[in-house]
Amino acid sequence: MKPYGTAPPAEVGVRTLPLSLASVVAAPLGAALTERFGARLSMPAGVLLEAVASLWMLTWDAQASYAAMWPPFVLLGLGVGMVMSASSDAIVGNAPVRDGGVASGLQSTALQIGGALGTSVLVSLISNRVGSTLVGELTGAGVPASAAQGFDEAKDAVAMGVTPVKHGMTAQLKAAVVEGSGNAFMNGVHAAVLVTAVLCLVGALLAAVGLRRDTGSPAIDG
């Protein structure tokens, strides 16, 4: 089995540039908003942008063009940039001077752990969802049931966006495999972004309630 229809890593990197560029642009914007209104406003606003971007990704399907993909990337990047600058101000900027190094270290550690853990959880969600729907999607796309069962071992590849076509397949079977595996992959993506959106909404609520109104300090009200 060989990968089919996979994009070169360089092309993938270029296509995700809107996310990174938007994050860079949003960082000073988030800092300005935090300075003016406090982290209690800027942090929930950034997290809400991430939630909206995640929900927007639910509109994607296996045939979605790049034109439908980059706008959510931009929105997600804006949210990430705003949250990063606001969280830095709330955690490090409001810590006592003598504890500034500790606060910075804790922020960096939380960022690394959160990124690694979040990525692992979302990849697991995608993989599990792909595994539970792959055979059904292949059958629905026109792959014979007996042949669809044989693709069950390819669920890990499909979860990474690789279409499990083989040389020697008829054009009709190849088209059915492409369609079915693409739909299964998008099932996994939709599950991951839906969970992400829910967590972002919860995070925005906690930030709005838990941050001090006046200083943006991470101390809990009351």
N, C-alpha and C. Protein backbone atom coordinates (compact mmCIF):
# COMPACT_ATOMS: atom_id res chain seq x y z
N MET A 1 0.84 -1.18 0.00
CA MET A 1 0.00 0.00 0.00
C MET A 1 0.88 1.24 0.00
N LYS A 2 0.63 2.15 -0.90
CA LYS A 2 1.40 3.37 -0.97
C LYS A 2 0.49 4.58 -0.78
N PRO A 3 1.04 5.67 -0.24
CA PRO A 3 0.23 6.87 -0.09
C PRO A 3 -0.26 7.36 -1.44
N TYR A 4 -1.44 7.94 -1.44
CA TYR A 4 -2.02 8.43 -2.68
C TYR A 4 -2.57 9.82 -2.42
N GLY A 5 -2.18 10.76 -3.25
CA GLY A 5 -2.72 12.09 -3.14
C GLY A 5 -2.22 12.88 -1.95
N THR A 6 -1.04 12.51 -1.43
CA THR A 6 -0.51 13.26 -0.29
C THR A 6 0.27 14.46 -0.79
N ALA A 7 0.17 15.59 -0.07
CA ALA A 7 0.86 16.80 -0.46
C ALA A 7 2.26 16.82 0.15
N PRO A 8 3.24 17.41 -0.57
CA PRO A 8 4.59 17.53 0.00
C PRO A 8 4.56 18.36 1.28
N PRO A 9 5.45 18.04 2.23
CA PRO A 9 5.47 18.80 3.49
C PRO A 9 5.62 20.30 3.29
N ALA A 10 6.44 20.71 2.31
CA ALA A 10 6.64 22.14 2.07
C ALA A 10 5.34 22.81 1.66
N GLU A 11 4.56 22.12 0.83
CA GLU A 11 3.28 22.69 0.40
C GLU A 11 2.30 22.80 1.56
N VAL A 12 2.30 21.78 2.42
CA VAL A 12 1.43 21.83 3.60
C VAL A 12 1.82 23.01 4.49
N GLY A 13 3.13 23.22 4.66
CA GLY A 13 3.59 24.33 5.48
C GLY A 13 3.16 25.67 4.91
N VAL A 14 3.27 25.82 3.61
CA VAL A 14 2.88 27.08 2.97
C VAL A 14 1.38 27.31 3.13
N ARG A 15 0.59 26.27 3.02
CA ARG A 15 -0.86 26.41 3.09
C ARG A 15 -1.34 26.73 4.51
N THR A 16 -0.52 26.42 5.51
CA THR A 16 -0.91 26.76 6.88
C THR A 16 -0.27 28.07 7.35
N LEU A 17 0.42 28.76 6.45
CA LEU A 17 1.02 30.04 6.81
C LEU A 17 0.01 31.07 7.32
N PRO A 18 -1.22 31.12 6.77
CA PRO A 18 -2.18 32.11 7.30
C PRO A 18 -2.37 32.01 8.80
N LEU A 19 -2.33 30.80 9.35
CA LEU A 19 -2.49 30.63 10.79
C LEU A 19 -1.33 31.29 11.53
N SER A 20 -0.11 30.99 11.10
CA SER A 20 1.07 31.54 11.78
C SER A 20 1.15 33.05 11.62
N LEU A 21 0.89 33.54 10.41
CA LEU A 21 0.98 34.98 10.17
C LEU A 21 -0.07 35.74 10.98
N ALA A 22 -1.29 35.18 11.04
CA ALA A 22 -2.34 35.83 11.81
C ALA A 22 -1.99 35.86 13.28
N SER A 23 -1.35 34.80 13.77
CA SER A 23 -0.94 34.76 15.17
C SER A 23 0.09 35.84 15.46
N VAL A 24 1.03 36.05 14.54
CA VAL A 24 2.05 37.09 14.72
C VAL A 24 1.40 38.47 14.75
N VAL A 25 0.45 38.69 13.84
CA VAL A 25 -0.23 39.98 13.77
C VAL A 25 -1.07 40.23 15.02
N ALA A 26 -1.70 39.16 15.53
CA ALA A 26 -2.62 39.31 16.65
C ALA A 26 -1.92 39.52 17.98
N ALA A 27 -0.67 39.11 18.09
CA ALA A 27 0.04 39.24 19.37
C ALA A 27 0.10 40.69 19.86
N PRO A 28 0.57 41.64 19.04
CA PRO A 28 0.57 43.03 19.52
C PRO A 28 -0.84 43.58 19.70
N LEU A 29 -1.78 43.11 18.88
CA LEU A 29 -3.17 43.54 19.05
C LEU A 29 -3.70 43.07 20.39
N GLY A 30 -3.43 41.83 20.73
CA GLY A 30 -3.87 41.31 22.02
C GLY A 30 -3.22 42.05 23.17
N ALA A 31 -1.94 42.42 23.01
CA ALA A 31 -1.25 43.16 24.06
C ALA A 31 -1.88 44.53 24.25
N ALA A 32 -2.23 45.19 23.14
CA ALA A 32 -2.86 46.51 23.23
C ALA A 32 -4.22 46.43 23.89
N LEU A 33 -5.00 45.42 23.51
CA LEU A 33 -6.32 45.26 24.11
C LEU A 33 -6.22 44.94 25.60
N THR A 34 -5.22 44.13 25.94
CA THR A 34 -5.04 43.78 27.35
C THR A 34 -4.64 45.01 28.16
N GLU A 35 -3.76 45.82 27.59
CA GLU A 35 -3.34 47.03 28.30
C GLU A 35 -4.51 47.99 28.51
N ARG A 36 -5.39 48.05 27.53
CA ARG A 36 -6.50 49.01 27.60
C ARG A 36 -7.67 48.49 28.43
N PHE A 37 -8.03 47.21 28.23
CA PHE A 37 -9.24 46.67 28.85
C PHE A 37 -8.98 45.59 29.88
N GLY A 38 -7.76 45.07 29.93
CA GLY A 38 -7.45 44.01 30.86
C GLY A 38 -7.61 42.64 30.23
N ALA A 39 -6.95 41.66 30.83
CA ALA A 39 -7.00 40.29 30.29
C ALA A 39 -8.39 39.68 30.41
N ARG A 40 -9.21 40.23 31.31
CA ARG A 40 -10.54 39.67 31.48
C ARG A 40 -11.39 39.82 30.22
N LEU A 41 -11.07 40.80 29.38
CA LEU A 41 -11.77 40.97 28.11
C LEU A 41 -10.99 40.33 26.96
N SER A 42 -9.68 40.61 26.88
CA SER A 42 -8.92 40.16 25.72
C SER A 42 -8.75 38.65 25.67
N MET A 43 -8.57 38.01 26.82
CA MET A 43 -8.37 36.56 26.81
C MET A 43 -9.64 35.81 26.39
N PRO A 44 -10.81 36.10 26.98
CA PRO A 44 -12.02 35.43 26.49
C PRO A 44 -12.31 35.73 25.02
N ALA A 45 -12.01 36.96 24.58
CA ALA A 45 -12.24 37.30 23.18
C ALA A 45 -11.39 36.43 22.26
N GLY A 46 -10.12 36.25 22.62
CA GLY A 46 -9.25 35.40 21.81
C GLY A 46 -9.70 33.95 21.80
N VAL A 47 -10.11 33.44 22.95
CA VAL A 47 -10.57 32.04 23.02
C VAL A 47 -11.87 31.86 22.24
N LEU A 48 -12.73 32.88 22.27
CA LEU A 48 -13.97 32.79 21.49
C LEU A 48 -13.67 32.78 19.99
N LEU A 49 -12.66 33.52 19.56
CA LEU A 49 -12.26 33.46 18.15
C LEU A 49 -11.82 32.04 17.78
N GLU A 50 -11.10 31.39 18.68
CA GLU A 50 -10.68 30.01 18.44
C GLU A 50 -11.89 29.08 18.35
N ALA A 51 -12.88 29.31 19.21
CA ALA A 51 -14.09 28.49 19.19
C ALA A 51 -14.84 28.66 17.87
N VAL A 52 -14.97 29.91 17.42
CA VAL A 52 -15.66 30.17 16.16
C VAL A 52 -14.91 29.51 15.00
N ALA A 53 -13.58 29.62 15.01
CA ALA A 53 -12.79 28.99 13.95
C ALA A 53 -12.99 27.48 13.94
N SER A 54 -13.03 26.88 15.13
CA SER A 54 -13.23 25.42 15.21
C SER A 54 -14.60 25.03 14.67
N LEU A 55 -15.63 25.78 15.05
CA LEU A 55 -16.97 25.47 14.54
C LEU A 55 -17.04 25.69 13.04
N TRP A 56 -16.33 26.67 12.54
CA TRP A 56 -16.29 26.93 11.10
C TRP A 56 -15.73 25.73 10.36
N MET A 57 -14.77 25.04 10.97
CA MET A 57 -14.17 23.88 10.32
C MET A 57 -15.16 22.72 10.16
N LEU A 58 -16.27 22.75 10.88
CA LEU A 58 -17.30 21.72 10.70
C LEU A 58 -17.94 21.79 9.32
N THR A 59 -17.76 22.91 8.62
CA THR A 59 -18.32 23.05 7.28
C THR A 59 -17.44 22.39 6.22
N TRP A 60 -16.24 21.98 6.59
CA TRP A 60 -15.36 21.33 5.64
C TRP A 60 -15.86 19.94 5.30
N ASP A 61 -15.60 19.51 4.09
CA ASP A 61 -15.81 18.11 3.72
C ASP A 61 -14.60 17.65 2.92
N ALA A 62 -14.65 16.41 2.47
CA ALA A 62 -13.49 15.83 1.79
C ALA A 62 -13.18 16.53 0.47
N GLN A 63 -14.14 17.24 -0.09
CA GLN A 63 -13.94 17.93 -1.36
C GLN A 63 -13.71 19.43 -1.16
N ALA A 64 -13.56 19.88 0.09
CA ALA A 64 -13.41 21.30 0.36
C ALA A 64 -12.14 21.84 -0.30
N SER A 65 -12.26 23.01 -0.90
CA SER A 65 -11.11 23.65 -1.53
C SER A 65 -10.30 24.42 -0.50
N TYR A 66 -9.10 24.82 -0.89
CA TYR A 66 -8.26 25.59 0.03
C TYR A 66 -8.91 26.93 0.35
N ALA A 67 -9.70 27.46 -0.58
CA ALA A 67 -10.37 28.73 -0.34
C ALA A 67 -11.33 28.64 0.84
N ALA A 68 -11.84 27.44 1.13
CA ALA A 68 -12.73 27.26 2.27
C ALA A 68 -11.95 27.00 3.55
N MET A 69 -10.66 26.73 3.44
CA MET A 69 -9.87 26.35 4.61
C MET A 69 -9.12 27.51 5.24
N TRP A 70 -8.60 28.44 4.43
CA TRP A 70 -7.73 29.45 5.02
C TRP A 70 -8.45 30.46 5.90
N PRO A 71 -9.73 30.82 5.67
CA PRO A 71 -10.35 31.78 6.58
C PRO A 71 -10.41 31.29 8.04
N PRO A 72 -10.80 30.03 8.32
CA PRO A 72 -10.73 29.56 9.70
C PRO A 72 -9.30 29.55 10.26
N PHE A 73 -8.31 29.29 9.39
CA PHE A 73 -6.92 29.34 9.84
C PHE A 73 -6.57 30.75 10.33
N VAL A 74 -6.99 31.76 9.58
CA VAL A 74 -6.72 33.14 9.96
C VAL A 74 -7.39 33.47 11.30
N LEU A 75 -8.65 33.07 11.43
CA LEU A 75 -9.39 33.34 12.66
C LEU A 75 -8.75 32.63 13.84
N LEU A 76 -8.33 31.39 13.62
CA LEU A 76 -7.67 30.63 14.69
C LEU A 76 -6.36 31.28 15.09
N GLY A 77 -5.59 31.73 14.10
CA GLY A 77 -4.33 32.40 14.40
C GLY A 77 -4.54 33.69 15.17
N LEU A 78 -5.56 34.45 14.82
CA LEU A 78 -5.86 35.68 15.56
C LEU A 78 -6.19 35.36 17.02
N GLY A 79 -6.98 34.32 17.22
CA GLY A 79 -7.34 33.94 18.59
C GLY A 79 -6.14 33.49 19.39
N VAL A 80 -5.28 32.68 18.78
CA VAL A 80 -4.09 32.18 19.48
C VAL A 80 -3.18 33.33 19.86
N GLY A 81 -2.95 34.26 18.92
CA GLY A 81 -2.09 35.39 19.21
C GLY A 81 -2.60 36.24 20.35
N MET A 82 -3.91 36.49 20.35
CA MET A 82 -4.49 37.30 21.41
C MET A 82 -4.38 36.61 22.76
N VAL A 83 -4.65 35.30 22.78
CA VAL A 83 -4.61 34.56 24.05
C VAL A 83 -3.19 34.50 24.59
N MET A 84 -2.21 34.32 23.72
CA MET A 84 -0.83 34.21 24.18
C MET A 84 -0.38 35.50 24.86
N SER A 85 -0.66 36.64 24.23
CA SER A 85 -0.22 37.90 24.83
C SER A 85 -1.01 38.22 26.09
N ALA A 86 -2.32 37.93 26.08
CA ALA A 86 -3.15 38.21 27.25
C ALA A 86 -2.76 37.31 28.42
N SER A 87 -2.50 36.04 28.15
CA SER A 87 -2.13 35.12 29.23
C SER A 87 -0.78 35.48 29.82
N SER A 88 0.14 35.95 28.97
CA SER A 88 1.44 36.36 29.48
C SER A 88 1.30 37.54 30.43
N ASP A 89 0.45 38.49 30.05
CA ASP A 89 0.22 39.64 30.92
C ASP A 89 -0.44 39.22 32.23
N ALA A 90 -1.43 38.32 32.13
CA ALA A 90 -2.17 37.92 33.32
C ALA A 90 -1.31 37.10 34.28
N ILE A 91 -0.41 36.28 33.73
CA ILE A 91 0.38 35.39 34.58
C ILE A 91 1.68 36.05 35.03
N VAL A 92 2.44 36.52 34.06
CA VAL A 92 3.77 37.06 34.38
C VAL A 92 3.68 38.52 34.80
N GLY A 93 2.90 39.31 34.09
CA GLY A 93 2.83 40.73 34.36
C GLY A 93 2.28 41.09 35.72
N ASN A 94 1.47 40.21 36.30
CA ASN A 94 0.86 40.51 37.58
C ASN A 94 1.48 39.74 38.74
N ALA A 95 2.53 38.97 38.45
CA ALA A 95 3.22 38.27 39.53
C ALA A 95 4.15 39.24 40.25
N PRO A 96 4.38 39.04 41.53
CA PRO A 96 5.37 39.86 42.23
C PRO A 96 6.72 39.78 41.52
N VAL A 97 7.48 40.87 41.58
CA VAL A 97 8.76 40.93 40.86
C VAL A 97 9.66 39.76 41.25
N ARG A 98 9.68 39.43 42.52
CA ARG A 98 10.57 38.35 42.96
C ARG A 98 10.15 36.99 42.43
N ASP A 99 8.87 36.88 42.02
CA ASP A 99 8.37 35.60 41.51
C ASP A 99 8.20 35.61 39.99
N GLY A 100 8.74 36.64 39.34
CA GLY A 100 8.56 36.74 37.89
C GLY A 100 9.13 35.56 37.13
N GLY A 101 10.33 35.11 37.55
CA GLY A 101 10.94 33.97 36.88
C GLY A 101 10.13 32.69 37.06
N VAL A 102 9.61 32.50 38.27
CA VAL A 102 8.79 31.31 38.53
C VAL A 102 7.52 31.34 37.69
N ALA A 103 6.89 32.53 37.64
CA ALA A 103 5.66 32.65 36.86
C ALA A 103 5.91 32.38 35.38
N SER A 104 7.01 32.92 34.86
CA SER A 104 7.35 32.69 33.46
C SER A 104 7.62 31.21 33.19
N GLY A 105 8.32 30.55 34.12
CA GLY A 105 8.60 29.13 33.97
C GLY A 105 7.34 28.28 34.00
N LEU A 106 6.43 28.64 34.91
CA LEU A 106 5.17 27.91 34.99
C LEU A 106 4.35 28.09 33.72
N GLN A 107 4.35 29.31 33.17
CA GLN A 107 3.61 29.55 31.94
C GLN A 107 4.19 28.72 30.79
N SER A 108 5.51 28.72 30.67
CA SER A 108 6.14 27.95 29.60
C SER A 108 5.89 26.46 29.75
N THR A 109 5.96 25.98 30.99
CA THR A 109 5.70 24.55 31.24
C THR A 109 4.26 24.18 30.91
N ALA A 110 3.33 25.03 31.34
CA ALA A 110 1.91 24.76 31.04
C ALA A 110 1.66 24.78 29.54
N LEU A 111 2.33 25.69 28.83
CA LEU A 111 2.17 25.77 27.37
C LEU A 111 2.67 24.51 26.70
N GLN A 112 3.83 24.02 27.11
CA GLN A 112 4.39 22.82 26.50
C GLN A 112 3.55 21.58 26.81
N ILE A 113 3.16 21.45 28.07
CA ILE A 113 2.35 20.29 28.46
C ILE A 113 0.98 20.33 27.77
N GLY A 114 0.38 21.52 27.79
CA GLY A 114 -0.93 21.65 27.15
C GLY A 114 -0.88 21.36 25.67
N GLY A 115 0.17 21.86 24.99
CA GLY A 115 0.29 21.61 23.55
C GLY A 115 0.46 20.13 23.23
N ALA A 116 1.34 19.47 23.99
CA ALA A 116 1.58 18.05 23.75
C ALA A 116 0.36 17.20 24.09
N LEU A 117 -0.25 17.50 25.24
CA LEU A 117 -1.41 16.72 25.65
C LEU A 117 -2.59 16.97 24.74
N GLY A 118 -2.81 18.23 24.38
CA GLY A 118 -3.92 18.55 23.50
C GLY A 118 -3.78 17.89 22.14
N THR A 119 -2.57 17.94 21.59
CA THR A 119 -2.34 17.30 20.29
C THR A 119 -2.58 15.80 20.37
N SER A 120 -2.09 15.16 21.42
CA SER A 120 -2.28 13.71 21.57
C SER A 120 -3.75 13.34 21.68
N VAL A 121 -4.49 14.12 22.46
CA VAL A 121 -5.91 13.82 22.63
C VAL A 121 -6.67 13.99 21.33
N LEU A 122 -6.40 15.08 20.62
CA LEU A 122 -7.12 15.32 19.37
C LEU A 122 -6.77 14.29 18.30
N VAL A 123 -5.48 13.92 18.23
CA VAL A 123 -5.09 12.87 17.27
C VAL A 123 -5.77 11.56 17.62
N SER A 124 -5.89 11.25 18.90
CA SER A 124 -6.57 10.02 19.32
C SER A 124 -8.06 10.07 18.94
N LEU A 125 -8.68 11.24 19.11
CA LEU A 125 -10.08 11.39 18.71
C LEU A 125 -10.26 11.15 17.22
N ILE A 126 -9.37 11.74 16.43
CA ILE A 126 -9.45 11.54 14.98
C ILE A 126 -9.28 10.07 14.63
N SER A 127 -8.28 9.44 15.22
CA SER A 127 -8.00 8.03 14.93
C SER A 127 -9.17 7.13 15.32
N ASN A 128 -9.74 7.35 16.50
CA ASN A 128 -10.85 6.52 16.94
C ASN A 128 -12.08 6.71 16.06
N ARG A 129 -12.34 7.94 15.70
CA ARG A 129 -13.51 8.21 14.85
C ARG A 129 -13.34 7.63 13.47
N VAL A 130 -12.14 7.75 12.91
CA VAL A 130 -11.86 7.15 11.61
C VAL A 130 -12.03 5.64 11.68
N GLY A 131 -11.48 5.03 12.72
CA GLY A 131 -11.56 3.58 12.85
C GLY A 131 -12.98 3.08 12.96
N SER A 132 -13.85 3.85 13.61
CA SER A 132 -15.23 3.40 13.81
C SER A 132 -16.12 3.65 12.60
N THR A 133 -15.68 4.50 11.67
CA THR A 133 -16.55 4.84 10.53
C THR A 133 -15.98 4.45 9.17
N LEU A 134 -14.72 4.00 9.13
CA LEU A 134 -14.07 3.77 7.83
C LEU A 134 -14.80 2.74 6.99
N VAL A 135 -15.06 1.58 7.56
CA VAL A 135 -15.70 0.51 6.78
C VAL A 135 -17.07 0.96 6.28
N GLY A 136 -17.84 1.59 7.15
CA GLY A 136 -19.17 2.06 6.75
C GLY A 136 -19.10 3.10 5.65
N GLU A 137 -18.15 4.02 5.74
CA GLU A 137 -18.02 5.05 4.71
C GLU A 137 -17.57 4.44 3.38
N LEU A 138 -16.65 3.48 3.44
CA LEU A 138 -16.22 2.82 2.21
C LEU A 138 -17.37 2.08 1.55
N THR A 139 -18.14 1.37 2.36
CA THR A 139 -19.30 0.64 1.82
C THR A 139 -20.30 1.62 1.22
N GLY A 140 -20.55 2.72 1.91
CA GLY A 140 -21.49 3.71 1.41
C GLY A 140 -21.04 4.37 0.12
N ALA A 141 -19.71 4.43 -0.08
CA ALA A 141 -19.18 5.03 -1.30
C ALA A 141 -19.17 4.08 -2.47
N GLY A 142 -19.50 2.81 -2.22
CA GLY A 142 -19.58 1.85 -3.31
C GLY A 142 -18.54 0.75 -3.28
N VAL A 143 -17.72 0.69 -2.24
CA VAL A 143 -16.76 -0.41 -2.12
C VAL A 143 -17.50 -1.65 -1.63
N PRO A 144 -17.34 -2.80 -2.29
CA PRO A 144 -18.01 -4.02 -1.82
C PRO A 144 -17.70 -4.30 -0.35
N ALA A 145 -18.69 -4.79 0.37
CA ALA A 145 -18.53 -5.00 1.81
C ALA A 145 -17.33 -5.87 2.15
N SER A 146 -17.12 -6.93 1.37
CA SER A 146 -15.99 -7.82 1.65
C SER A 146 -14.66 -7.10 1.46
N ALA A 147 -14.58 -6.26 0.45
CA ALA A 147 -13.35 -5.50 0.21
C ALA A 147 -13.17 -4.41 1.25
N ALA A 148 -14.28 -3.78 1.67
CA ALA A 148 -14.20 -2.70 2.66
C ALA A 148 -13.62 -3.21 3.97
N GLN A 149 -13.97 -4.43 4.35
CA GLN A 149 -13.43 -5.01 5.59
C GLN A 149 -11.91 -5.13 5.52
N GLY A 150 -11.39 -5.36 4.32
CA GLY A 150 -9.95 -5.50 4.16
C GLY A 150 -9.19 -4.20 4.37
N PHE A 151 -9.90 -3.07 4.30
CA PHE A 151 -9.25 -1.77 4.50
C PHE A 151 -9.22 -1.36 5.97
N ASP A 152 -9.75 -2.19 6.84
CA ASP A 152 -9.79 -1.83 8.25
C ASP A 152 -8.39 -1.62 8.81
N GLU A 153 -7.42 -2.37 8.29
CA GLU A 153 -6.05 -2.24 8.79
C GLU A 153 -5.40 -0.92 8.34
N ALA A 154 -6.05 -0.23 7.41
CA ALA A 154 -5.49 1.03 6.91
C ALA A 154 -6.02 2.24 7.68
N LYS A 155 -6.74 2.01 8.78
CA LYS A 155 -7.38 3.14 9.48
C LYS A 155 -6.36 4.13 10.02
N ASP A 156 -5.18 3.66 10.43
CA ASP A 156 -4.17 4.58 10.94
C ASP A 156 -3.66 5.50 9.84
N ALA A 157 -3.49 4.93 8.64
CA ALA A 157 -3.05 5.75 7.51
C ALA A 157 -4.12 6.77 7.14
N VAL A 158 -5.37 6.34 7.12
CA VAL A 158 -6.47 7.25 6.79
C VAL A 158 -6.56 8.36 7.81
N ALA A 159 -6.33 8.04 9.08
CA ALA A 159 -6.37 9.06 10.14
C ALA A 159 -5.30 10.12 9.95
N MET A 160 -4.25 9.81 9.19
CA MET A 160 -3.21 10.78 8.88
C MET A 160 -3.44 11.46 7.53
N GLY A 161 -4.59 11.19 6.92
CA GLY A 161 -4.92 11.83 5.66
C GLY A 161 -4.40 11.12 4.44
N VAL A 162 -4.00 9.87 4.58
CA VAL A 162 -3.48 9.09 3.46
C VAL A 162 -4.58 8.20 2.90
N THR A 163 -4.79 8.26 1.60
CA THR A 163 -5.82 7.45 0.96
C THR A 163 -5.25 6.08 0.62
N PRO A 164 -5.85 4.99 1.10
CA PRO A 164 -5.26 3.66 0.92
C PRO A 164 -5.62 2.99 -0.41
N VAL A 165 -5.23 3.62 -1.51
CA VAL A 165 -5.45 2.98 -2.80
C VAL A 165 -4.23 2.13 -3.16
N LYS A 166 -4.46 1.14 -4.00
CA LYS A 166 -3.39 0.23 -4.41
C LYS A 166 -3.29 0.24 -5.92
N HIS A 167 -2.10 -0.05 -6.39
CA HIS A 167 -1.92 -0.19 -7.83
C HIS A 167 -2.73 -1.40 -8.31
N GLY A 168 -3.31 -1.26 -9.47
CA GLY A 168 -4.09 -2.35 -10.03
C GLY A 168 -5.58 -2.22 -9.75
N MET A 169 -5.98 -1.28 -8.90
CA MET A 169 -7.41 -1.06 -8.66
C MET A 169 -8.07 -0.50 -9.92
N THR A 170 -9.30 -0.86 -10.11
CA THR A 170 -10.05 -0.26 -11.21
C THR A 170 -10.33 1.20 -10.87
N ALA A 171 -10.61 1.98 -11.90
CA ALA A 171 -10.88 3.41 -11.67
C ALA A 171 -12.10 3.59 -10.78
N GLN A 172 -13.11 2.73 -10.96
CA GLN A 172 -14.33 2.84 -10.17
C GLN A 172 -14.06 2.54 -8.70
N LEU A 173 -13.29 1.47 -8.44
CA LEU A 173 -12.97 1.12 -7.06
C LEU A 173 -12.07 2.18 -6.43
N LYS A 174 -11.11 2.68 -7.19
CA LYS A 174 -10.23 3.70 -6.66
C LYS A 174 -11.02 4.94 -6.25
N ALA A 175 -11.95 5.35 -7.10
CA ALA A 175 -12.77 6.53 -6.79
C ALA A 175 -13.59 6.30 -5.53
N ALA A 176 -14.11 5.09 -5.36
CA ALA A 176 -14.91 4.77 -4.18
C ALA A 176 -14.06 4.78 -2.92
N VAL A 177 -12.84 4.26 -3.01
CA VAL A 177 -11.94 4.24 -1.86
C VAL A 177 -11.55 5.66 -1.48
N VAL A 178 -11.26 6.49 -2.48
CA VAL A 178 -10.90 7.89 -2.21
C VAL A 178 -12.04 8.61 -1.51
N GLU A 179 -13.26 8.42 -2.01
CA GLU A 179 -14.42 9.09 -1.43
C GLU A 179 -14.69 8.59 -0.01
N GLY A 180 -14.70 7.27 0.17
CA GLY A 180 -15.02 6.72 1.48
C GLY A 180 -13.98 7.04 2.53
N SER A 181 -12.70 6.92 2.19
CA SER A 181 -11.65 7.22 3.17
C SER A 181 -11.60 8.71 3.47
N GLY A 182 -11.89 9.53 2.46
CA GLY A 182 -11.94 10.97 2.69
C GLY A 182 -13.05 11.35 3.65
N ASN A 183 -14.21 10.72 3.48
CA ASN A 183 -15.33 10.99 4.39
C ASN A 183 -15.02 10.52 5.81
N ALA A 184 -14.36 9.37 5.93
CA ALA A 184 -14.00 8.87 7.26
C ALA A 184 -13.00 9.81 7.93
N PHE A 185 -12.04 10.30 7.17
CA PHE A 185 -11.06 11.24 7.72
C PHE A 185 -11.75 12.51 8.21
N MET A 186 -12.69 13.02 7.43
CA MET A 186 -13.38 14.23 7.84
C MET A 186 -14.27 13.98 9.05
N ASN A 187 -14.78 12.78 9.21
CA ASN A 187 -15.51 12.44 10.44
C ASN A 187 -14.61 12.64 11.65
N GLY A 188 -13.36 12.20 11.53
CA GLY A 188 -12.41 12.38 12.62
C GLY A 188 -12.08 13.84 12.87
N VAL A 189 -11.86 14.58 11.80
CA VAL A 189 -11.56 16.01 11.93
C VAL A 189 -12.72 16.74 12.60
N HIS A 190 -13.95 16.43 12.18
CA HIS A 190 -15.12 17.09 12.76
C HIS A 190 -15.25 16.78 14.25
N ALA A 191 -14.97 15.55 14.64
CA ALA A 191 -15.03 15.20 16.06
C ALA A 191 -14.00 16.00 16.85
N ALA A 192 -12.80 16.14 16.30
CA ALA A 192 -11.73 16.86 17.00
C ALA A 192 -12.05 18.35 17.13
N VAL A 193 -12.52 18.97 16.06
CA VAL A 193 -12.77 20.42 16.13
C VAL A 193 -14.00 20.73 16.98
N LEU A 194 -14.95 19.79 17.03
CA LEU A 194 -16.12 20.01 17.89
C LEU A 194 -15.71 19.99 19.36
N VAL A 195 -14.89 19.04 19.73
CA VAL A 195 -14.38 18.99 21.11
C VAL A 195 -13.57 20.25 21.41
N THR A 196 -12.75 20.68 20.44
CA THR A 196 -11.95 21.89 20.62
C THR A 196 -12.85 23.10 20.86
N ALA A 197 -13.92 23.22 20.08
CA ALA A 197 -14.83 24.36 20.24
C ALA A 197 -15.47 24.37 21.61
N VAL A 198 -15.89 23.20 22.08
CA VAL A 198 -16.52 23.12 23.40
C VAL A 198 -15.54 23.53 24.49
N LEU A 199 -14.31 23.03 24.41
CA LEU A 199 -13.30 23.38 25.40
C LEU A 199 -12.97 24.87 25.36
N CYS A 200 -12.95 25.44 24.17
CA CYS A 200 -12.69 26.88 24.05
C CYS A 200 -13.81 27.69 24.70
N LEU A 201 -15.04 27.28 24.50
CA LEU A 201 -16.17 27.99 25.11
C LEU A 201 -16.09 27.92 26.63
N VAL A 202 -15.75 26.74 27.14
CA VAL A 202 -15.59 26.59 28.59
C VAL A 202 -14.44 27.47 29.09
N GLY A 203 -13.32 27.48 28.34
CA GLY A 203 -12.18 28.29 28.71
C GLY A 203 -12.50 29.78 28.71
N ALA A 204 -13.27 30.23 27.71
CA ALA A 204 -13.64 31.64 27.66
C ALA A 204 -14.49 32.02 28.85
N LEU A 205 -15.41 31.15 29.23
CA LEU A 205 -16.25 31.42 30.39
C LEU A 205 -15.43 31.48 31.67
N LEU A 206 -14.51 30.54 31.84
CA LEU A 206 -13.67 30.53 33.04
C LEU A 206 -12.79 31.78 33.11
N ALA A 207 -12.26 32.20 31.95
CA ALA A 207 -11.42 33.39 31.93
C ALA A 207 -12.23 34.64 32.28
N ALA A 208 -13.44 34.72 31.73
CA ALA A 208 -14.28 35.90 32.00
C ALA A 208 -14.69 35.97 33.46
N VAL A 209 -14.93 34.82 34.06
CA VAL A 209 -15.39 34.79 35.45
C VAL A 209 -14.22 34.83 36.42
N GLY A 210 -13.13 34.19 36.08
CA GLY A 210 -12.06 33.98 37.04
C GLY A 210 -11.00 35.05 37.10
N LEU A 211 -10.93 35.93 36.08
CA LEU A 211 -9.91 36.97 36.11
C LEU A 211 -10.45 38.23 36.78
N ARG A 212 -9.58 38.93 37.49
CA ARG A 212 -9.98 40.18 38.13
C ARG A 212 -10.36 41.21 37.09
N ARG A 213 -11.38 41.96 37.39
CA ARG A 213 -11.88 42.96 36.45
C ARG A 213 -10.91 44.12 36.25
N ASP A 214 -10.19 44.47 37.30
CA ASP A 214 -9.39 45.69 37.22
C ASP A 214 -7.99 45.46 36.67
N THR A 215 -7.31 44.42 37.10
CA THR A 215 -5.91 44.24 36.74
C THR A 215 -5.65 43.17 35.73
N GLY A 216 -6.64 42.29 35.48
CA GLY A 216 -6.38 41.16 34.60
C GLY A 216 -5.58 40.10 35.26
N SER A 217 -5.45 40.17 36.59
CA SER A 217 -4.71 39.16 37.34
C SER A 217 -5.43 37.84 37.31
N PRO A 218 -4.72 36.71 37.36
CA PRO A 218 -5.36 35.43 37.34
C PRO A 218 -6.01 35.03 38.65
N ALA A 219 -6.00 35.93 39.63
CA ALA A 219 -6.66 35.58 40.89
C ALA A 219 -8.16 35.46 40.70
N ILE A 220 -8.79 34.57 41.44
CA ILE A 220 -10.22 34.33 41.32
C ILE A 220 -10.98 35.39 42.12
N ASP A 221 -12.08 35.88 41.53
CA ASP A 221 -12.91 36.85 42.23
C ASP A 221 -13.48 36.25 43.49
N GLY A 222 -13.76 37.12 44.43
CA GLY A 222 -14.44 36.66 45.64
C GLY A 222 -13.48 36.05 46.61
